[in-house]
Amino acid sequence: MRTLYVEGRGLLYRMPAGAKIAALMVFGVLLFLTREVPWLGLGLLLAGASYFGLGQRLRSAIAPLTFVLLTVTIVALFNLVFVSLDDALVTVLRLTALVFAAATVTATTPIGDFIAAITMAARPLESLGLVRADDIGLAVGLVIRFLPDIVSRYDALKLAHQARGLKSKPLTLLGPLIILTLRDADKVADAIDARGIRKR
């Protein structure tokens, strides 16, 4: 069973999950409060050093982020075509730094701790009758847990296309990937309901 969590003993592992999530939010706000390339570059350097300093092999570290980084690249290209080089550079620096910072938090936080922190943060909204805190925590935990499985499924579809001599373009793989993911989501939802985990 693959997860985004990486075993370790550093300072980030000892920090409470809530503190790391709060720090991530502050970091994200700071990134979007400036357009200065040196500061954004420093933010990217710090976030990248934190993530790649967890002791993973380079390939293992990059694999879970492939789709997100590809999305960042596409957004940057749109900015480059429709806006300017400066805007494209700022976008790349901001989003890439945020991706590595978020990856650092998820890689150093067990799923259980993550769910507990999100659930606790959503309690005030639950008291207002807006959401169900347990459901919010569960939803976030499931997204984090199954992201590596989606990446693995994409790789399997890509290899299957190549084995049949077909070109494995991302757009041609997107349809089957969505169908398989939704099918598994239905199975997970049925299993959750069968165990009475979600409140009705």
N, C-alpha and C. Protein backbone atom coordinates (compact mmCIF):
# COMPACT_ATOMS: atom_id res chain seq x y z
N MET A 1 0.85 -1.19 0.00
CA MET A 1 0.00 0.00 0.00
C MET A 1 0.88 1.25 0.00
N ARG A 2 0.77 2.03 -1.06
CA ARG A 2 1.59 3.22 -1.17
C ARG A 2 0.90 4.41 -0.52
N THR A 3 1.67 5.23 0.13
CA THR A 3 1.15 6.48 0.69
C THR A 3 2.17 7.58 0.42
N LEU A 4 1.79 8.81 0.71
CA LEU A 4 2.71 9.93 0.54
C LEU A 4 3.62 10.09 1.75
N TYR A 5 3.33 9.38 2.84
CA TYR A 5 4.12 9.50 4.06
C TYR A 5 5.48 8.84 3.87
N VAL A 6 6.52 9.52 4.38
CA VAL A 6 7.89 9.01 4.29
C VAL A 6 8.42 8.86 5.71
N GLU A 7 8.92 7.70 6.03
CA GLU A 7 9.44 7.46 7.38
C GLU A 7 10.64 8.38 7.67
N GLY A 8 10.68 8.90 8.88
CA GLY A 8 11.79 9.78 9.26
C GLY A 8 11.69 10.20 10.72
N ARG A 9 12.72 10.92 11.20
CA ARG A 9 12.77 11.33 12.60
C ARG A 9 13.15 12.79 12.79
N GLY A 10 13.14 13.57 11.75
CA GLY A 10 13.58 14.96 11.85
C GLY A 10 12.61 15.86 12.60
N LEU A 11 12.95 17.15 12.63
CA LEU A 11 12.14 18.14 13.32
C LEU A 11 10.73 18.20 12.77
N LEU A 12 10.57 18.12 11.46
CA LEU A 12 9.25 18.21 10.85
C LEU A 12 8.35 17.06 11.28
N TYR A 13 8.94 15.91 11.55
CA TYR A 13 8.15 14.77 11.99
C TYR A 13 7.64 14.95 13.41
N ARG A 14 8.37 15.71 14.20
CA ARG A 14 7.98 15.91 15.60
C ARG A 14 6.99 17.05 15.77
N MET A 15 6.83 17.88 14.77
CA MET A 15 5.89 19.00 14.85
C MET A 15 4.45 18.49 14.79
N PRO A 16 3.53 19.08 15.54
CA PRO A 16 2.12 18.71 15.45
C PRO A 16 1.58 18.96 14.03
N ALA A 17 0.67 18.11 13.61
CA ALA A 17 0.11 18.24 12.27
C ALA A 17 -0.56 19.60 12.08
N GLY A 18 -1.28 20.07 13.10
CA GLY A 18 -1.96 21.36 12.99
C GLY A 18 -0.99 22.51 12.78
N ALA A 19 0.17 22.44 13.46
CA ALA A 19 1.18 23.50 13.31
C ALA A 19 1.75 23.50 11.90
N LYS A 20 1.95 22.32 11.34
CA LYS A 20 2.50 22.24 9.97
C LYS A 20 1.49 22.75 8.95
N ILE A 21 0.23 22.43 9.14
CA ILE A 21 -0.80 22.90 8.21
C ILE A 21 -0.93 24.42 8.30
N ALA A 22 -0.88 24.95 9.52
CA ALA A 22 -0.96 26.40 9.71
C ALA A 22 0.25 27.09 9.06
N ALA A 23 1.44 26.51 9.24
CA ALA A 23 2.65 27.07 8.63
C ALA A 23 2.55 27.06 7.11
N LEU A 24 1.97 25.99 6.58
CA LEU A 24 1.78 25.89 5.13
C LEU A 24 0.85 26.99 4.63
N MET A 25 -0.21 27.26 5.38
CA MET A 25 -1.14 28.33 4.98
C MET A 25 -0.46 29.69 5.00
N VAL A 26 0.34 29.94 6.04
CA VAL A 26 1.06 31.22 6.12
C VAL A 26 2.06 31.34 4.98
N PHE A 27 2.76 30.25 4.70
CA PHE A 27 3.74 30.25 3.61
C PHE A 27 3.06 30.55 2.28
N GLY A 28 1.90 29.94 2.05
CA GLY A 28 1.17 30.18 0.81
C GLY A 28 0.72 31.63 0.68
N VAL A 29 0.24 32.20 1.78
CA VAL A 29 -0.17 33.62 1.75
C VAL A 29 1.02 34.51 1.44
N LEU A 30 2.16 34.25 2.07
CA LEU A 30 3.35 35.06 1.82
C LEU A 30 3.80 34.98 0.37
N LEU A 31 3.68 33.79 -0.22
CA LEU A 31 4.07 33.63 -1.62
C LEU A 31 3.23 34.52 -2.54
N PHE A 32 1.95 34.66 -2.20
CA PHE A 32 1.06 35.42 -3.07
C PHE A 32 0.98 36.90 -2.69
N LEU A 33 1.72 37.29 -1.67
CA LEU A 33 1.78 38.70 -1.31
C LEU A 33 2.93 39.44 -1.98
N THR A 34 3.79 38.70 -2.65
CA THR A 34 4.93 39.33 -3.31
C THR A 34 5.06 38.85 -4.75
N ARG A 35 5.62 39.73 -5.57
CA ARG A 35 5.95 39.38 -6.95
C ARG A 35 7.45 39.48 -7.19
N GLU A 36 8.21 39.69 -6.11
CA GLU A 36 9.66 39.82 -6.24
C GLU A 36 10.28 38.44 -6.50
N VAL A 37 10.93 38.30 -7.64
CA VAL A 37 11.50 37.01 -8.04
C VAL A 37 12.53 36.49 -7.03
N PRO A 38 13.43 37.35 -6.49
CA PRO A 38 14.39 36.82 -5.50
C PRO A 38 13.72 36.21 -4.28
N TRP A 39 12.67 36.84 -3.76
CA TRP A 39 11.97 36.29 -2.60
C TRP A 39 11.24 35.01 -2.95
N LEU A 40 10.61 34.99 -4.12
CA LEU A 40 9.92 33.77 -4.55
C LEU A 40 10.92 32.65 -4.80
N GLY A 41 12.09 33.00 -5.34
CA GLY A 41 13.12 32.00 -5.55
C GLY A 41 13.63 31.43 -4.24
N LEU A 42 13.75 32.31 -3.23
CA LEU A 42 14.16 31.85 -1.90
C LEU A 42 13.11 30.91 -1.30
N GLY A 43 11.84 31.25 -1.49
CA GLY A 43 10.77 30.39 -1.00
C GLY A 43 10.81 29.02 -1.65
N LEU A 44 11.05 29.01 -2.97
CA LEU A 44 11.16 27.74 -3.69
C LEU A 44 12.36 26.94 -3.20
N LEU A 45 13.47 27.62 -2.97
CA LEU A 45 14.67 26.95 -2.48
C LEU A 45 14.42 26.30 -1.12
N LEU A 46 13.79 27.02 -0.22
CA LEU A 46 13.51 26.50 1.12
C LEU A 46 12.54 25.32 1.06
N ALA A 47 11.48 25.47 0.26
CA ALA A 47 10.49 24.40 0.15
C ALA A 47 11.10 23.16 -0.50
N GLY A 48 11.89 23.37 -1.55
CA GLY A 48 12.53 22.25 -2.22
C GLY A 48 13.53 21.54 -1.33
N ALA A 49 14.31 22.33 -0.58
CA ALA A 49 15.29 21.74 0.32
C ALA A 49 14.61 20.92 1.42
N SER A 50 13.49 21.42 1.92
CA SER A 50 12.74 20.70 2.95
C SER A 50 12.23 19.37 2.43
N TYR A 51 11.70 19.38 1.20
CA TYR A 51 11.12 18.15 0.65
C TYR A 51 12.19 17.14 0.24
N PHE A 52 13.17 17.61 -0.52
CA PHE A 52 14.20 16.67 -0.99
C PHE A 52 15.20 16.29 0.10
N GLY A 53 15.11 16.99 1.24
CA GLY A 53 15.98 16.65 2.36
C GLY A 53 15.41 15.58 3.27
N LEU A 54 14.29 14.98 2.87
CA LEU A 54 13.66 13.94 3.69
C LEU A 54 14.30 12.57 3.52
N GLY A 55 15.26 12.48 2.61
CA GLY A 55 15.99 11.22 2.45
C GLY A 55 15.45 10.29 1.38
N GLN A 56 14.52 10.76 0.56
CA GLN A 56 14.00 9.92 -0.51
C GLN A 56 14.95 9.91 -1.71
N ARG A 57 14.85 8.88 -2.51
CA ARG A 57 15.53 8.90 -3.80
C ARG A 57 14.83 9.91 -4.70
N LEU A 58 15.59 10.51 -5.59
CA LEU A 58 15.05 11.58 -6.43
C LEU A 58 13.82 11.11 -7.21
N ARG A 59 13.89 9.93 -7.79
CA ARG A 59 12.77 9.42 -8.59
C ARG A 59 11.54 9.19 -7.72
N SER A 60 11.75 8.64 -6.53
CA SER A 60 10.64 8.38 -5.62
C SER A 60 10.01 9.68 -5.12
N ALA A 61 10.84 10.71 -4.97
CA ALA A 61 10.34 12.00 -4.50
C ALA A 61 9.53 12.72 -5.58
N ILE A 62 9.95 12.60 -6.82
CA ILE A 62 9.30 13.31 -7.92
C ILE A 62 8.01 12.61 -8.36
N ALA A 63 7.98 11.28 -8.30
CA ALA A 63 6.87 10.50 -8.86
C ALA A 63 5.49 10.96 -8.37
N PRO A 64 5.27 11.17 -7.05
CA PRO A 64 3.93 11.57 -6.62
C PRO A 64 3.53 12.98 -7.06
N LEU A 65 4.51 13.78 -7.47
CA LEU A 65 4.24 15.17 -7.83
C LEU A 65 4.17 15.40 -9.32
N THR A 66 4.29 14.32 -10.11
CA THR A 66 4.38 14.46 -11.56
C THR A 66 3.20 15.22 -12.14
N PHE A 67 1.98 14.82 -11.77
CA PHE A 67 0.79 15.45 -12.34
C PHE A 67 0.67 16.91 -11.90
N VAL A 68 0.98 17.16 -10.64
CA VAL A 68 0.87 18.53 -10.14
C VAL A 68 1.88 19.44 -10.83
N LEU A 69 3.11 18.97 -10.96
CA LEU A 69 4.14 19.77 -11.62
C LEU A 69 3.82 19.96 -13.10
N LEU A 70 3.21 18.93 -13.72
CA LEU A 70 2.79 19.08 -15.12
C LEU A 70 1.71 20.15 -15.24
N THR A 71 0.80 20.17 -14.28
CA THR A 71 -0.24 21.20 -14.28
C THR A 71 0.36 22.59 -14.12
N VAL A 72 1.34 22.71 -13.22
CA VAL A 72 2.03 24.00 -13.03
C VAL A 72 2.68 24.43 -14.34
N THR A 73 3.29 23.50 -15.04
CA THR A 73 3.94 23.81 -16.32
C THR A 73 2.93 24.31 -17.34
N ILE A 74 1.77 23.65 -17.41
CA ILE A 74 0.73 24.06 -18.36
C ILE A 74 0.22 25.46 -18.03
N VAL A 75 -0.01 25.72 -16.74
CA VAL A 75 -0.45 27.05 -16.32
C VAL A 75 0.59 28.10 -16.70
N ALA A 76 1.86 27.78 -16.49
CA ALA A 76 2.93 28.71 -16.82
C ALA A 76 2.97 28.99 -18.32
N LEU A 77 2.75 27.96 -19.14
CA LEU A 77 2.76 28.15 -20.59
C LEU A 77 1.61 29.05 -21.02
N PHE A 78 0.44 28.88 -20.40
CA PHE A 78 -0.69 29.76 -20.72
C PHE A 78 -0.35 31.20 -20.36
N ASN A 79 0.28 31.37 -19.22
CA ASN A 79 0.69 32.72 -18.82
C ASN A 79 1.70 33.30 -19.80
N LEU A 80 2.61 32.45 -20.27
CA LEU A 80 3.64 32.90 -21.20
C LEU A 80 3.04 33.33 -22.53
N VAL A 81 2.00 32.60 -22.97
CA VAL A 81 1.37 32.91 -24.25
C VAL A 81 0.47 34.13 -24.16
N PHE A 82 -0.32 34.21 -23.07
CA PHE A 82 -1.36 35.23 -23.00
C PHE A 82 -0.97 36.44 -22.17
N VAL A 83 0.08 36.34 -21.35
CA VAL A 83 0.43 37.48 -20.50
C VAL A 83 1.86 37.92 -20.82
N SER A 84 2.81 37.50 -19.99
CA SER A 84 4.19 37.92 -20.21
C SER A 84 5.15 36.93 -19.56
N LEU A 85 6.42 37.08 -19.89
CA LEU A 85 7.44 36.21 -19.32
C LEU A 85 7.55 36.41 -17.82
N ASP A 86 7.46 37.64 -17.37
CA ASP A 86 7.55 37.92 -15.94
C ASP A 86 6.41 37.25 -15.16
N ASP A 87 5.20 37.35 -15.69
CA ASP A 87 4.05 36.72 -15.03
C ASP A 87 4.20 35.20 -15.01
N ALA A 88 4.70 34.65 -16.11
CA ALA A 88 4.90 33.20 -16.17
C ALA A 88 5.93 32.75 -15.15
N LEU A 89 7.00 33.51 -14.99
CA LEU A 89 8.04 33.16 -14.03
C LEU A 89 7.52 33.24 -12.60
N VAL A 90 6.77 34.30 -12.31
CA VAL A 90 6.19 34.46 -10.97
C VAL A 90 5.24 33.30 -10.67
N THR A 91 4.44 32.92 -11.64
CA THR A 91 3.49 31.82 -11.46
C THR A 91 4.21 30.51 -11.17
N VAL A 92 5.25 30.24 -11.96
CA VAL A 92 6.01 28.99 -11.77
C VAL A 92 6.65 28.95 -10.38
N LEU A 93 7.27 30.04 -9.98
CA LEU A 93 7.94 30.07 -8.68
C LEU A 93 6.94 29.90 -7.54
N ARG A 94 5.82 30.62 -7.62
CA ARG A 94 4.81 30.53 -6.56
C ARG A 94 4.25 29.11 -6.44
N LEU A 95 3.77 28.59 -7.55
CA LEU A 95 3.09 27.30 -7.50
C LEU A 95 4.04 26.15 -7.18
N THR A 96 5.24 26.19 -7.74
CA THR A 96 6.19 25.12 -7.47
C THR A 96 6.62 25.13 -6.02
N ALA A 97 6.85 26.31 -5.47
CA ALA A 97 7.21 26.41 -4.05
C ALA A 97 6.08 25.88 -3.18
N LEU A 98 4.84 26.21 -3.54
CA LEU A 98 3.69 25.75 -2.77
C LEU A 98 3.53 24.24 -2.88
N VAL A 99 3.79 23.69 -4.05
CA VAL A 99 3.71 22.23 -4.25
C VAL A 99 4.71 21.52 -3.35
N PHE A 100 5.96 21.99 -3.35
CA PHE A 100 6.99 21.33 -2.54
C PHE A 100 6.72 21.51 -1.05
N ALA A 101 6.19 22.66 -0.65
CA ALA A 101 5.86 22.87 0.76
C ALA A 101 4.73 21.94 1.19
N ALA A 102 3.69 21.84 0.37
CA ALA A 102 2.58 20.94 0.69
C ALA A 102 3.04 19.49 0.70
N ALA A 103 3.90 19.13 -0.24
CA ALA A 103 4.42 17.76 -0.28
C ALA A 103 5.24 17.45 0.97
N THR A 104 5.96 18.44 1.47
CA THR A 104 6.74 18.25 2.69
C THR A 104 5.82 17.95 3.87
N VAL A 105 4.73 18.70 3.96
CA VAL A 105 3.79 18.48 5.06
C VAL A 105 3.16 17.09 4.98
N THR A 106 2.69 16.71 3.80
CA THR A 106 2.05 15.40 3.66
C THR A 106 3.05 14.26 3.83
N ALA A 107 4.30 14.47 3.44
CA ALA A 107 5.31 13.41 3.55
C ALA A 107 5.76 13.20 4.99
N THR A 108 5.57 14.18 5.85
CA THR A 108 6.04 14.08 7.24
C THR A 108 4.89 13.94 8.23
N THR A 109 3.67 13.77 7.72
CA THR A 109 2.50 13.67 8.59
C THR A 109 1.73 12.40 8.30
N PRO A 110 1.59 11.51 9.26
CA PRO A 110 0.77 10.31 9.06
C PRO A 110 -0.67 10.69 8.72
N ILE A 111 -1.33 9.86 7.94
CA ILE A 111 -2.69 10.15 7.51
C ILE A 111 -3.62 10.37 8.70
N GLY A 112 -3.47 9.54 9.75
CA GLY A 112 -4.33 9.67 10.92
C GLY A 112 -4.20 11.03 11.58
N ASP A 113 -2.96 11.51 11.71
CA ASP A 113 -2.73 12.83 12.31
C ASP A 113 -3.29 13.93 11.43
N PHE A 114 -3.16 13.76 10.11
CA PHE A 114 -3.66 14.74 9.17
C PHE A 114 -5.19 14.85 9.28
N ILE A 115 -5.85 13.71 9.31
CA ILE A 115 -7.31 13.70 9.41
C ILE A 115 -7.76 14.34 10.72
N ALA A 116 -7.06 14.00 11.81
CA ALA A 116 -7.42 14.57 13.12
C ALA A 116 -7.28 16.08 13.13
N ALA A 117 -6.20 16.60 12.52
CA ALA A 117 -5.97 18.04 12.50
C ALA A 117 -7.03 18.76 11.66
N ILE A 118 -7.35 18.21 10.49
CA ILE A 118 -8.37 18.82 9.62
C ILE A 118 -9.73 18.78 10.30
N THR A 119 -10.03 17.66 10.94
CA THR A 119 -11.31 17.52 11.63
C THR A 119 -11.45 18.56 12.75
N MET A 120 -10.38 18.73 13.53
CA MET A 120 -10.40 19.69 14.62
C MET A 120 -10.57 21.12 14.09
N ALA A 121 -9.91 21.41 12.96
CA ALA A 121 -10.01 22.75 12.38
C ALA A 121 -11.42 23.04 11.86
N ALA A 122 -12.12 21.97 11.47
CA ALA A 122 -13.47 22.15 10.92
C ALA A 122 -14.55 22.17 11.99
N ARG A 123 -14.20 21.91 13.26
CA ARG A 123 -15.21 21.89 14.33
C ARG A 123 -15.99 23.20 14.46
N PRO A 124 -15.32 24.38 14.38
CA PRO A 124 -16.10 25.63 14.48
C PRO A 124 -17.16 25.75 13.39
N LEU A 125 -16.84 25.28 12.18
CA LEU A 125 -17.82 25.32 11.09
C LEU A 125 -18.97 24.36 11.36
N GLU A 126 -18.64 23.22 12.00
CA GLU A 126 -19.68 22.26 12.33
C GLU A 126 -20.63 22.84 13.38
N SER A 127 -20.08 23.59 14.32
CA SER A 127 -20.93 24.20 15.36
C SER A 127 -21.89 25.22 14.77
N LEU A 128 -21.53 25.76 13.60
CA LEU A 128 -22.42 26.71 12.91
C LEU A 128 -23.41 25.99 11.99
N GLY A 129 -23.29 24.68 11.92
CA GLY A 129 -24.19 23.90 11.08
C GLY A 129 -23.84 23.93 9.60
N LEU A 130 -22.60 24.34 9.27
CA LEU A 130 -22.22 24.47 7.86
C LEU A 130 -21.68 23.17 7.27
N VAL A 131 -20.91 22.42 8.06
CA VAL A 131 -20.30 21.19 7.56
C VAL A 131 -20.30 20.15 8.68
N ARG A 132 -19.90 18.94 8.32
CA ARG A 132 -19.66 17.89 9.29
C ARG A 132 -18.15 17.69 9.36
N ALA A 133 -17.57 18.02 10.49
CA ALA A 133 -16.12 18.03 10.62
C ALA A 133 -15.51 16.66 10.32
N ASP A 134 -16.13 15.59 10.80
CA ASP A 134 -15.60 14.25 10.56
C ASP A 134 -15.56 13.91 9.08
N ASP A 135 -16.60 14.34 8.36
CA ASP A 135 -16.65 14.07 6.92
C ASP A 135 -15.57 14.85 6.17
N ILE A 136 -15.33 16.09 6.60
CA ILE A 136 -14.27 16.90 5.97
C ILE A 136 -12.91 16.24 6.18
N GLY A 137 -12.62 15.84 7.40
CA GLY A 137 -11.35 15.19 7.70
C GLY A 137 -11.18 13.90 6.93
N LEU A 138 -12.25 13.12 6.84
CA LEU A 138 -12.20 11.86 6.10
C LEU A 138 -11.95 12.11 4.61
N ALA A 139 -12.63 13.11 4.05
CA ALA A 139 -12.48 13.41 2.63
C ALA A 139 -11.04 13.81 2.30
N VAL A 140 -10.47 14.69 3.12
CA VAL A 140 -9.09 15.12 2.89
C VAL A 140 -8.13 13.94 3.03
N GLY A 141 -8.35 13.12 4.04
CA GLY A 141 -7.49 11.95 4.24
C GLY A 141 -7.54 10.99 3.08
N LEU A 142 -8.74 10.79 2.51
CA LEU A 142 -8.87 9.88 1.37
C LEU A 142 -8.16 10.42 0.14
N VAL A 143 -8.27 11.72 -0.08
CA VAL A 143 -7.58 12.33 -1.23
C VAL A 143 -6.07 12.10 -1.12
N ILE A 144 -5.52 12.36 0.07
CA ILE A 144 -4.08 12.19 0.27
C ILE A 144 -3.68 10.73 0.14
N ARG A 145 -4.52 9.85 0.70
CA ARG A 145 -4.19 8.43 0.70
C ARG A 145 -4.18 7.84 -0.71
N PHE A 146 -5.14 8.23 -1.55
CA PHE A 146 -5.30 7.58 -2.84
C PHE A 146 -4.59 8.29 -3.99
N LEU A 147 -3.97 9.43 -3.73
CA LEU A 147 -3.21 10.10 -4.78
C LEU A 147 -2.11 9.22 -5.36
N PRO A 148 -1.30 8.54 -4.53
CA PRO A 148 -0.28 7.65 -5.11
C PRO A 148 -0.89 6.53 -5.95
N ASP A 149 -2.08 6.04 -5.57
CA ASP A 149 -2.73 4.99 -6.35
C ASP A 149 -3.15 5.49 -7.72
N ILE A 150 -3.58 6.75 -7.79
CA ILE A 150 -3.95 7.32 -9.08
C ILE A 150 -2.73 7.44 -9.98
N VAL A 151 -1.60 7.84 -9.39
CA VAL A 151 -0.36 7.92 -10.16
C VAL A 151 0.04 6.54 -10.66
N SER A 152 -0.06 5.53 -9.81
CA SER A 152 0.28 4.15 -10.21
C SER A 152 -0.64 3.66 -11.32
N ARG A 153 -1.92 4.00 -11.21
CA ARG A 153 -2.88 3.59 -12.23
C ARG A 153 -2.56 4.25 -13.57
N TYR A 154 -2.17 5.51 -13.52
CA TYR A 154 -1.78 6.21 -14.75
C TYR A 154 -0.58 5.52 -15.40
N ASP A 155 0.42 5.17 -14.59
CA ASP A 155 1.60 4.48 -15.11
C ASP A 155 1.22 3.14 -15.73
N ALA A 156 0.29 2.42 -15.10
CA ALA A 156 -0.14 1.13 -15.63
C ALA A 156 -0.85 1.29 -16.97
N LEU A 157 -1.71 2.30 -17.07
CA LEU A 157 -2.39 2.56 -18.34
C LEU A 157 -1.40 2.95 -19.44
N LYS A 158 -0.41 3.73 -19.05
CA LYS A 158 0.61 4.14 -20.02
C LYS A 158 1.37 2.94 -20.55
N LEU A 159 1.77 2.04 -19.65
CA LEU A 159 2.49 0.83 -20.07
C LEU A 159 1.61 -0.07 -20.92
N ALA A 160 0.31 -0.15 -20.60
CA ALA A 160 -0.61 -0.98 -21.38
C ALA A 160 -0.74 -0.44 -22.81
N HIS A 161 -0.80 0.87 -22.94
CA HIS A 161 -0.86 1.47 -24.28
C HIS A 161 0.41 1.19 -25.06
N GLN A 162 1.54 1.32 -24.41
CA GLN A 162 2.82 1.09 -25.08
C GLN A 162 2.96 -0.37 -25.49
N ALA A 163 2.46 -1.29 -24.66
CA ALA A 163 2.55 -2.72 -24.98
C ALA A 163 1.73 -3.07 -26.22
N ARG A 164 0.68 -2.28 -26.47
CA ARG A 164 -0.17 -2.51 -27.65
C ARG A 164 0.28 -1.68 -28.85
N GLY A 165 1.40 -0.99 -28.70
CA GLY A 165 1.92 -0.19 -29.80
C GLY A 165 1.18 1.11 -30.02
N LEU A 166 0.46 1.57 -28.99
CA LEU A 166 -0.29 2.82 -29.10
C LEU A 166 0.49 3.96 -28.46
N LYS A 167 0.27 5.16 -28.96
CA LYS A 167 0.90 6.32 -28.36
C LYS A 167 0.19 6.67 -27.05
N SER A 168 0.96 6.79 -26.00
CA SER A 168 0.37 7.05 -24.68
C SER A 168 0.35 8.55 -24.40
N LYS A 169 -0.56 9.25 -25.07
CA LYS A 169 -0.72 10.67 -24.84
C LYS A 169 -1.56 10.89 -23.58
N PRO A 170 -1.23 11.91 -22.78
CA PRO A 170 -1.99 12.15 -21.53
C PRO A 170 -3.48 12.27 -21.76
N LEU A 171 -3.91 12.93 -22.85
CA LEU A 171 -5.34 13.12 -23.09
C LEU A 171 -6.05 11.80 -23.38
N THR A 172 -5.35 10.86 -24.06
CA THR A 172 -5.98 9.58 -24.37
C THR A 172 -6.06 8.69 -23.12
N LEU A 173 -5.22 8.95 -22.13
CA LEU A 173 -5.24 8.17 -20.89
C LEU A 173 -6.19 8.76 -19.86
N LEU A 174 -6.60 10.00 -20.06
CA LEU A 174 -7.40 10.69 -19.06
C LEU A 174 -8.77 10.03 -18.87
N GLY A 175 -9.41 9.65 -19.98
CA GLY A 175 -10.73 9.03 -19.89
C GLY A 175 -10.73 7.74 -19.08
N PRO A 176 -9.90 6.75 -19.48
CA PRO A 176 -9.83 5.50 -18.70
C PRO A 176 -9.43 5.73 -17.24
N LEU A 177 -8.52 6.69 -17.01
CA LEU A 177 -8.09 6.98 -15.64
C LEU A 177 -9.24 7.49 -14.79
N ILE A 178 -10.05 8.39 -15.35
CA ILE A 178 -11.20 8.93 -14.61
C ILE A 178 -12.21 7.83 -14.31
N ILE A 179 -12.47 6.96 -15.31
CA ILE A 179 -13.44 5.89 -15.13
C ILE A 179 -13.00 4.92 -14.02
N LEU A 180 -11.72 4.51 -14.07
CA LEU A 180 -11.21 3.60 -13.06
C LEU A 180 -11.21 4.23 -11.67
N THR A 181 -10.85 5.52 -11.62
CA THR A 181 -10.82 6.21 -10.33
C THR A 181 -12.21 6.34 -9.74
N LEU A 182 -13.20 6.68 -10.57
CA LEU A 182 -14.57 6.80 -10.08
C LEU A 182 -15.13 5.45 -9.65
N ARG A 183 -14.75 4.41 -10.35
CA ARG A 183 -15.21 3.06 -9.96
C ARG A 183 -14.67 2.68 -8.59
N ASP A 184 -13.38 2.96 -8.37
CA ASP A 184 -12.79 2.68 -7.07
C ASP A 184 -13.39 3.57 -5.99
N ALA A 185 -13.71 4.82 -6.35
CA ALA A 185 -14.32 5.74 -5.38
C ALA A 185 -15.67 5.21 -4.91
N ASP A 186 -16.44 4.63 -5.84
CA ASP A 186 -17.73 4.04 -5.47
C ASP A 186 -17.53 2.88 -4.51
N LYS A 187 -16.52 2.05 -4.76
CA LYS A 187 -16.25 0.92 -3.88
C LYS A 187 -15.86 1.39 -2.48
N VAL A 188 -15.01 2.42 -2.43
CA VAL A 188 -14.60 2.96 -1.14
C VAL A 188 -15.78 3.55 -0.39
N ALA A 189 -16.64 4.29 -1.12
CA ALA A 189 -17.82 4.88 -0.49
C ALA A 189 -18.75 3.81 0.07
N ASP A 190 -18.94 2.71 -0.69
CA ASP A 190 -19.79 1.61 -0.21
C ASP A 190 -19.19 0.97 1.03
N ALA A 191 -17.86 0.81 1.04
CA ALA A 191 -17.19 0.21 2.20
C ALA A 191 -17.32 1.11 3.43
N ILE A 192 -17.19 2.40 3.23
CA ILE A 192 -17.33 3.36 4.34
C ILE A 192 -18.74 3.34 4.91
N ASP A 193 -19.74 3.33 4.01
CA ASP A 193 -21.12 3.31 4.47
C ASP A 193 -21.45 1.99 5.17
N ALA A 194 -20.88 0.88 4.67
CA ALA A 194 -21.14 -0.42 5.28
C ALA A 194 -20.61 -0.49 6.70
N ARG A 195 -19.55 0.26 6.97
CA ARG A 195 -18.97 0.27 8.31
C ARG A 195 -19.55 1.38 9.20
N GLY A 196 -20.46 2.17 8.64
CA GLY A 196 -21.09 3.21 9.43
C GLY A 196 -20.15 4.33 9.83
N ILE A 197 -19.10 4.59 9.00
CA ILE A 197 -18.12 5.61 9.36
C ILE A 197 -18.68 7.01 9.14
N ARG A 198 -19.35 7.20 8.02
CA ARG A 198 -19.91 8.52 7.73
C ARG A 198 -21.22 8.70 8.48
N LYS A 199 -21.40 9.92 9.02
CA LYS A 199 -22.63 10.23 9.69
C LYS A 199 -23.69 10.63 8.67
N ARG A 200 -24.91 10.27 8.94
CA ARG A 200 -26.01 10.64 8.04
C ARG A 200 -26.90 11.68 8.67
